[in-house]
N, C-alpha and C. Protein backbone atom coordinates (compact mmCIF):
# COMPACT_ATOMS: atom_id res chain seq x y z
N MET A 1 62.82 45.12 65.24
CA MET A 1 63.10 43.98 65.11
C MET A 1 63.88 43.98 66.99
N LEU A 2 64.53 44.99 67.30
CA LEU A 2 65.10 44.76 68.15
C LEU A 2 64.30 44.92 69.20
N PRO A 3 62.96 44.98 69.87
CA PRO A 3 62.07 45.00 70.87
C PRO A 3 61.40 43.28 70.26
N LEU A 4 61.57 43.17 69.55
CA LEU A 4 61.23 41.52 69.42
C LEU A 4 62.25 40.56 69.65
N TRP A 5 63.59 40.94 69.93
CA TRP A 5 64.24 39.94 70.36
C TRP A 5 64.58 40.28 71.67
N VAL A 6 64.26 42.10 72.60
CA VAL A 6 64.08 41.64 73.67
C VAL A 6 63.06 40.71 74.20
N GLY A 7 61.76 40.77 73.36
CA GLY A 7 60.91 39.74 74.18
C GLY A 7 61.37 38.70 74.29
N ILE A 8 62.10 38.29 73.06
CA ILE A 8 62.56 36.75 72.83
C ILE A 8 63.07 36.36 74.37
N VAL A 9 64.60 37.35 74.42
CA VAL A 9 65.34 37.50 75.53
C VAL A 9 64.20 37.16 76.79
N ILE A 10 63.49 37.76 76.88
CA ILE A 10 62.85 37.79 78.13
C ILE A 10 61.81 36.77 78.67
N PHE A 11 61.32 36.19 77.30
CA PHE A 11 60.56 35.01 77.23
C PHE A 11 61.18 33.86 77.45
N ILE A 12 62.64 33.35 77.38
CA ILE A 12 63.44 32.81 77.75
C ILE A 12 63.71 32.84 79.52
N TRP A 13 64.30 33.91 79.41
CA TRP A 13 64.07 34.08 81.09
C TRP A 13 62.79 33.54 81.57
N ILE A 14 62.01 34.03 81.66
CA ILE A 14 60.73 33.73 82.11
C ILE A 14 60.32 32.55 82.46
N GLY A 15 60.89 31.50 80.76
CA GLY A 15 60.33 29.88 80.85
C GLY A 15 61.58 29.42 81.95
N ILE A 16 63.01 30.05 82.14
CA ILE A 16 63.81 29.42 82.81
C ILE A 16 63.45 29.68 84.38
N HIS A 17 63.02 30.57 84.81
CA HIS A 17 63.06 31.07 86.21
C HIS A 17 61.62 30.00 86.68
N PHE A 18 60.89 29.83 85.84
CA PHE A 18 59.17 29.33 86.04
C PHE A 18 59.61 27.83 85.87
N ASN A 19 61.34 27.31 85.26
CA ASN A 19 61.24 25.55 85.23
C ASN A 19 60.30 24.95 83.65
N ILE A 20 60.50 25.82 83.02
CA ILE A 20 59.62 25.25 81.33
C ILE A 20 60.29 24.39 80.91
N ASP A 21 60.16 22.94 80.36
CA ASP A 21 60.65 22.25 80.00
C ASP A 21 61.85 22.92 78.58
N ALA A 22 63.21 22.82 78.90
CA ALA A 22 64.08 23.53 77.56
C ALA A 22 63.70 23.17 76.28
N LYS A 23 63.15 21.70 76.02
CA LYS A 23 62.49 22.14 74.62
C LYS A 23 61.62 22.60 74.29
N VAL A 24 60.42 23.04 75.09
CA VAL A 24 58.93 23.77 74.86
C VAL A 24 59.88 25.45 74.47
N ILE A 25 60.92 25.46 75.30
CA ILE A 25 61.40 27.17 75.22
C ILE A 25 61.90 27.04 73.89
N ALA A 26 62.75 25.78 73.80
CA ALA A 26 63.67 26.46 72.22
C ALA A 26 62.60 26.26 71.22
N GLY A 27 61.68 25.17 70.95
CA GLY A 27 60.88 24.94 70.02
C GLY A 27 59.50 26.24 69.77
N SER A 28 59.09 26.87 70.77
CA SER A 28 58.64 28.62 71.15
C SER A 28 59.32 29.07 70.02
N VAL A 29 60.72 29.83 70.82
CA VAL A 29 61.91 30.29 70.30
C VAL A 29 61.85 30.31 68.57
N PHE A 30 62.46 29.05 68.27
CA PHE A 30 62.69 28.50 66.96
C PHE A 30 61.11 29.05 65.77
N VAL A 31 59.88 28.57 66.58
CA VAL A 31 58.96 28.72 65.65
C VAL A 31 58.44 30.57 65.76
N PHE A 32 59.12 31.23 66.77
CA PHE A 32 58.77 32.60 66.64
C PHE A 32 60.03 33.47 65.60
N GLY A 33 60.80 32.39 65.94
CA GLY A 33 62.08 33.25 65.24
C GLY A 33 61.59 33.32 64.03
N LEU A 34 61.17 31.89 63.72
CA LEU A 34 61.24 32.08 61.74
C LEU A 34 59.69 32.83 60.99
N LEU A 35 58.38 32.22 62.18
CA LEU A 35 58.10 33.00 61.20
C LEU A 35 57.88 34.79 61.80
N SER A 36 58.85 35.46 62.42
CA SER A 36 58.86 36.93 62.44
C SER A 36 59.99 37.52 61.52
N ASN A 37 60.96 36.06 61.05
CA ASN A 37 62.18 36.72 60.27
C ASN A 37 63.16 36.95 61.40
N ALA A 38 63.37 36.86 62.71
CA ALA A 38 64.06 37.43 63.74
C ALA A 38 65.54 36.41 63.41
N PHE A 39 65.57 36.07 62.98
CA PHE A 39 66.89 35.14 62.51
C PHE A 39 67.71 35.56 61.78
N THR A 40 66.61 36.06 60.50
CA THR A 40 67.13 37.38 59.19
C THR A 40 67.38 38.34 59.46
N TRP A 41 66.98 38.55 60.86
CA TRP A 41 67.46 39.93 61.24
C TRP A 41 68.67 40.23 61.91
N LEU A 42 68.86 38.65 62.58
CA LEU A 42 69.88 38.99 63.26
C LEU A 42 71.24 38.50 62.41
N VAL A 43 71.21 37.55 61.85
CA VAL A 43 72.35 37.17 60.35
C VAL A 43 72.52 39.14 59.68
N GLY A 44 71.65 39.89 59.57
CA GLY A 44 71.27 40.86 58.67
C GLY A 44 72.64 41.99 59.56
N VAL A 45 72.22 42.14 61.48
CA VAL A 45 72.90 42.50 62.09
C VAL A 45 74.23 42.74 61.85
N ILE A 46 74.86 40.92 61.94
CA ILE A 46 76.03 40.69 61.79
C ILE A 46 76.40 40.93 60.51
N ALA A 47 76.15 40.91 59.35
CA ALA A 47 76.52 41.02 58.08
C ALA A 47 76.79 42.26 58.31
N MET A 48 76.45 43.72 58.79
CA MET A 48 77.05 45.01 58.54
C MET A 48 78.16 44.92 59.87
N ILE A 49 78.67 44.39 60.20
CA ILE A 49 80.04 44.94 60.70
C ILE A 49 81.03 44.35 60.03
N PRO A 50 81.86 45.92 59.69
CA PRO A 50 82.52 46.05 58.64
C PRO A 50 83.77 44.97 58.12
N PHE A 51 84.04 44.64 57.69
CA PHE A 51 84.73 43.79 56.77
C PHE A 51 84.33 42.38 57.31
N VAL A 52 84.38 42.07 58.20
CA VAL A 52 84.36 40.77 59.03
C VAL A 52 82.95 40.45 58.66
N GLY A 53 82.00 40.72 59.17
CA GLY A 53 80.68 40.21 58.97
C GLY A 53 80.27 39.53 58.40
N PRO A 54 80.15 40.19 56.90
CA PRO A 54 80.06 39.26 55.29
C PRO A 54 81.02 38.14 55.43
N LEU A 55 82.05 38.57 56.04
CA LEU A 55 82.85 36.92 55.96
C LEU A 55 82.19 36.26 56.83
N ILE A 56 81.63 36.50 58.49
CA ILE A 56 81.25 35.51 58.46
C ILE A 56 79.57 35.06 58.40
N VAL A 57 78.67 36.35 57.51
CA VAL A 57 77.61 35.16 57.41
C VAL A 57 77.98 34.42 56.39
N ARG A 58 78.81 34.64 55.50
CA ARG A 58 79.33 33.60 54.26
C ARG A 58 79.78 32.10 54.97
N VAL A 59 80.04 32.18 55.90
CA VAL A 59 80.72 30.89 56.40
C VAL A 59 79.86 30.66 57.14
N LEU A 60 78.83 30.83 58.00
CA LEU A 60 77.72 30.33 58.19
C LEU A 60 76.50 29.49 57.34
N SER A 61 76.57 30.57 56.11
CA SER A 61 75.69 29.79 55.40
C SER A 61 76.63 28.77 54.37
N LEU A 62 77.71 28.14 54.06
CA LEU A 62 78.27 27.21 53.80
C LEU A 62 77.31 25.78 54.60
N GLY A 63 77.38 24.87 53.30
CA GLY A 63 76.48 23.66 53.53
C GLY A 63 77.80 22.59 54.68
N LEU A 64 79.09 23.16 54.37
CA LEU A 64 79.73 22.10 55.46
C LEU A 64 79.48 22.33 56.40
N ILE A 65 78.99 23.55 57.28
CA ILE A 65 78.79 23.67 58.78
C ILE A 65 77.95 23.11 58.80
N TRP A 66 76.89 23.09 57.92
CA TRP A 66 75.18 23.18 58.35
C TRP A 66 76.11 21.01 58.27
N LEU A 67 76.46 20.42 57.53
CA LEU A 67 76.64 19.29 57.61
C LEU A 67 77.65 18.79 59.09
N LEU A 68 78.50 19.13 58.84
CA LEU A 68 79.21 18.92 60.54
C LEU A 68 78.22 18.67 61.68
N ASN A 69 77.90 19.72 61.43
CA ASN A 69 76.57 20.15 62.58
C ASN A 69 75.80 18.41 62.56
N ALA A 70 74.91 19.14 61.92
CA ALA A 70 74.30 17.56 61.45
C ALA A 70 74.94 16.16 62.12
N ILE A 71 75.73 15.90 61.28
CA ILE A 71 76.16 14.33 61.64
C ILE A 71 77.10 14.23 63.24
N GLY A 72 77.34 16.07 64.00
CA GLY A 72 77.73 15.73 65.38
C GLY A 72 76.00 15.59 66.31
N TYR A 73 75.12 15.92 65.83
CA TYR A 73 74.07 15.95 66.71
C TYR A 73 74.03 14.59 66.32
N LEU A 74 73.65 13.76 64.89
CA LEU A 74 73.20 12.07 64.67
C LEU A 74 74.38 11.46 65.53
N VAL A 75 75.57 11.85 65.85
CA VAL A 75 77.12 11.17 66.34
C VAL A 75 76.48 10.97 67.89
N ALA A 76 75.84 12.19 68.20
CA ALA A 76 75.50 12.51 69.54
C ALA A 76 74.75 11.55 70.04
N PHE A 77 73.72 11.44 69.41
CA PHE A 77 72.35 10.82 69.27
C PHE A 77 72.46 9.33 69.71
N VAL A 78 73.15 8.76 68.59
CA VAL A 78 73.86 7.54 68.89
C VAL A 78 74.41 7.23 69.96
N ALA A 79 75.71 7.53 70.39
CA ALA A 79 76.49 7.43 71.79
C ALA A 79 75.72 7.59 72.83
N ILE A 80 74.44 8.51 72.95
CA ILE A 80 74.05 9.04 74.40
C ILE A 80 73.06 7.37 74.29
N ARG A 81 72.33 6.89 73.70
CA ARG A 81 71.96 5.53 73.29
C ARG A 81 72.70 4.66 73.78
N ARG A 82 73.96 4.57 73.85
CA ARG A 82 74.49 3.36 73.65
C ARG A 82 75.31 3.92 75.12
N GLY A 83 75.13 4.75 75.80
CA GLY A 83 75.85 4.79 76.89
C GLY A 83 76.87 5.59 77.46
N TYR A 84 77.26 6.31 76.36
CA TYR A 84 78.92 7.40 76.12
C TYR A 84 78.20 8.94 76.33
N SER A 85 77.71 8.89 77.68
CA SER A 85 77.23 10.31 77.65
C SER A 85 78.24 11.13 77.91
N LYS A 86 79.39 11.04 78.87
CA LYS A 86 80.42 11.66 78.87
C LYS A 86 81.24 11.97 78.12
N ASP A 87 81.46 11.35 76.84
CA ASP A 87 82.38 10.95 75.87
C ASP A 87 81.68 11.77 75.19
N VAL A 88 80.21 11.96 74.95
CA VAL A 88 79.43 13.08 73.47
C VAL A 88 80.14 14.49 74.25
N LEU A 89 79.69 14.67 75.42
CA LEU A 89 80.54 16.75 75.82
C LEU A 89 81.73 16.71 75.44
N THR A 90 82.60 15.97 75.29
CA THR A 90 83.80 16.11 74.60
C THR A 90 83.94 16.20 73.12
N TYR A 91 83.30 15.53 72.46
CA TYR A 91 82.87 15.06 71.21
C TYR A 91 82.01 16.65 70.93
N ARG A 92 81.00 16.85 71.43
CA ARG A 92 80.14 17.88 71.11
C ARG A 92 81.51 18.99 71.22
N GLY A 93 82.12 19.17 72.19
CA GLY A 93 82.86 20.73 72.49
C GLY A 93 84.26 20.56 71.56
N MET A 94 84.44 19.63 71.02
CA MET A 94 85.15 19.52 69.73
C MET A 94 84.69 19.53 68.42
N THR A 95 83.74 18.92 67.80
CA THR A 95 83.06 19.71 67.27
C THR A 95 82.78 21.51 67.21
N ILE A 96 82.14 21.89 67.93
CA ILE A 96 82.05 23.27 68.05
C ILE A 96 83.35 23.77 67.81
N ALA A 97 84.43 23.60 68.02
CA ALA A 97 85.61 24.29 68.38
C ALA A 97 86.25 24.30 66.67
N LEU A 98 85.92 22.92 66.33
CA LEU A 98 86.63 22.84 64.86
C LEU A 98 85.27 23.80 63.92
N ILE A 99 84.18 23.82 64.04
CA ILE A 99 83.47 25.05 63.35
C ILE A 99 84.07 26.55 63.57
N ILE A 100 84.01 26.82 64.80
CA ILE A 100 84.61 28.20 64.99
C ILE A 100 86.19 27.96 64.59
N GLY A 101 86.71 27.12 64.93
CA GLY A 101 87.91 26.93 63.97
C GLY A 101 88.13 27.64 62.56
N ILE A 102 86.98 26.81 61.51
CA ILE A 102 87.01 27.27 59.95
C ILE A 102 86.45 28.38 59.71
N ILE A 103 85.34 29.04 60.72
CA ILE A 103 84.88 30.56 60.48
C ILE A 103 86.27 31.24 60.73
N ILE A 104 86.90 30.94 62.18
CA ILE A 104 88.22 32.32 61.73
C ILE A 104 89.34 32.12 61.15
N GLY A 105 89.12 30.63 60.87
CA GLY A 105 90.39 30.32 59.46
C GLY A 105 89.93 31.32 58.31
N TYR A 106 88.51 30.83 58.00
CA TYR A 106 88.15 31.43 56.83
C TYR A 106 88.26 33.33 56.49
N VAL A 107 87.60 33.56 57.69
CA VAL A 107 88.06 35.18 57.88
C VAL A 107 89.48 35.58 57.53
N LEU A 108 90.03 34.64 58.65
CA LEU A 108 91.97 35.63 58.29
C LEU A 108 92.03 35.37 56.96
N GLY A 109 91.98 34.20 56.92
CA GLY A 109 91.97 34.11 54.71
C GLY A 109 91.61 34.69 54.44
N LYS A 110 90.65 35.42 54.28
CA LYS A 110 90.28 36.21 53.22
C LYS A 110 90.53 38.07 53.46
N LEU A 111 91.39 37.88 54.87
CA LEU A 111 91.19 39.23 55.40
C LEU A 111 92.86 39.57 54.97
N LEU A 112 93.91 38.53 54.91
CA LEU A 112 95.15 38.10 55.05
C LEU A 112 95.56 38.32 53.27
């Protein structure tokens, strides 16, 4: 799977180099990653990290994290449509910080 991920990274780099639309690159990587189980392998590699890896995988698979991220995208879409694009950057940054904080807090709580 490592050569597969190297190929994905090279594909992304070539796409950016030749100014291909980011949506096309992201969609292609998403479909290719799902069909080849590359994302599953990456989560498996993260899970192999002693002590912390399984905790990170457990937190990333929680429905709350997915729900927070989905709500963030929905609110960002509505805000951009209404002209609050600068506020969306602040909001998305806060959402990502919240998700990272939840992950770090969960891992520290389980370790301590």
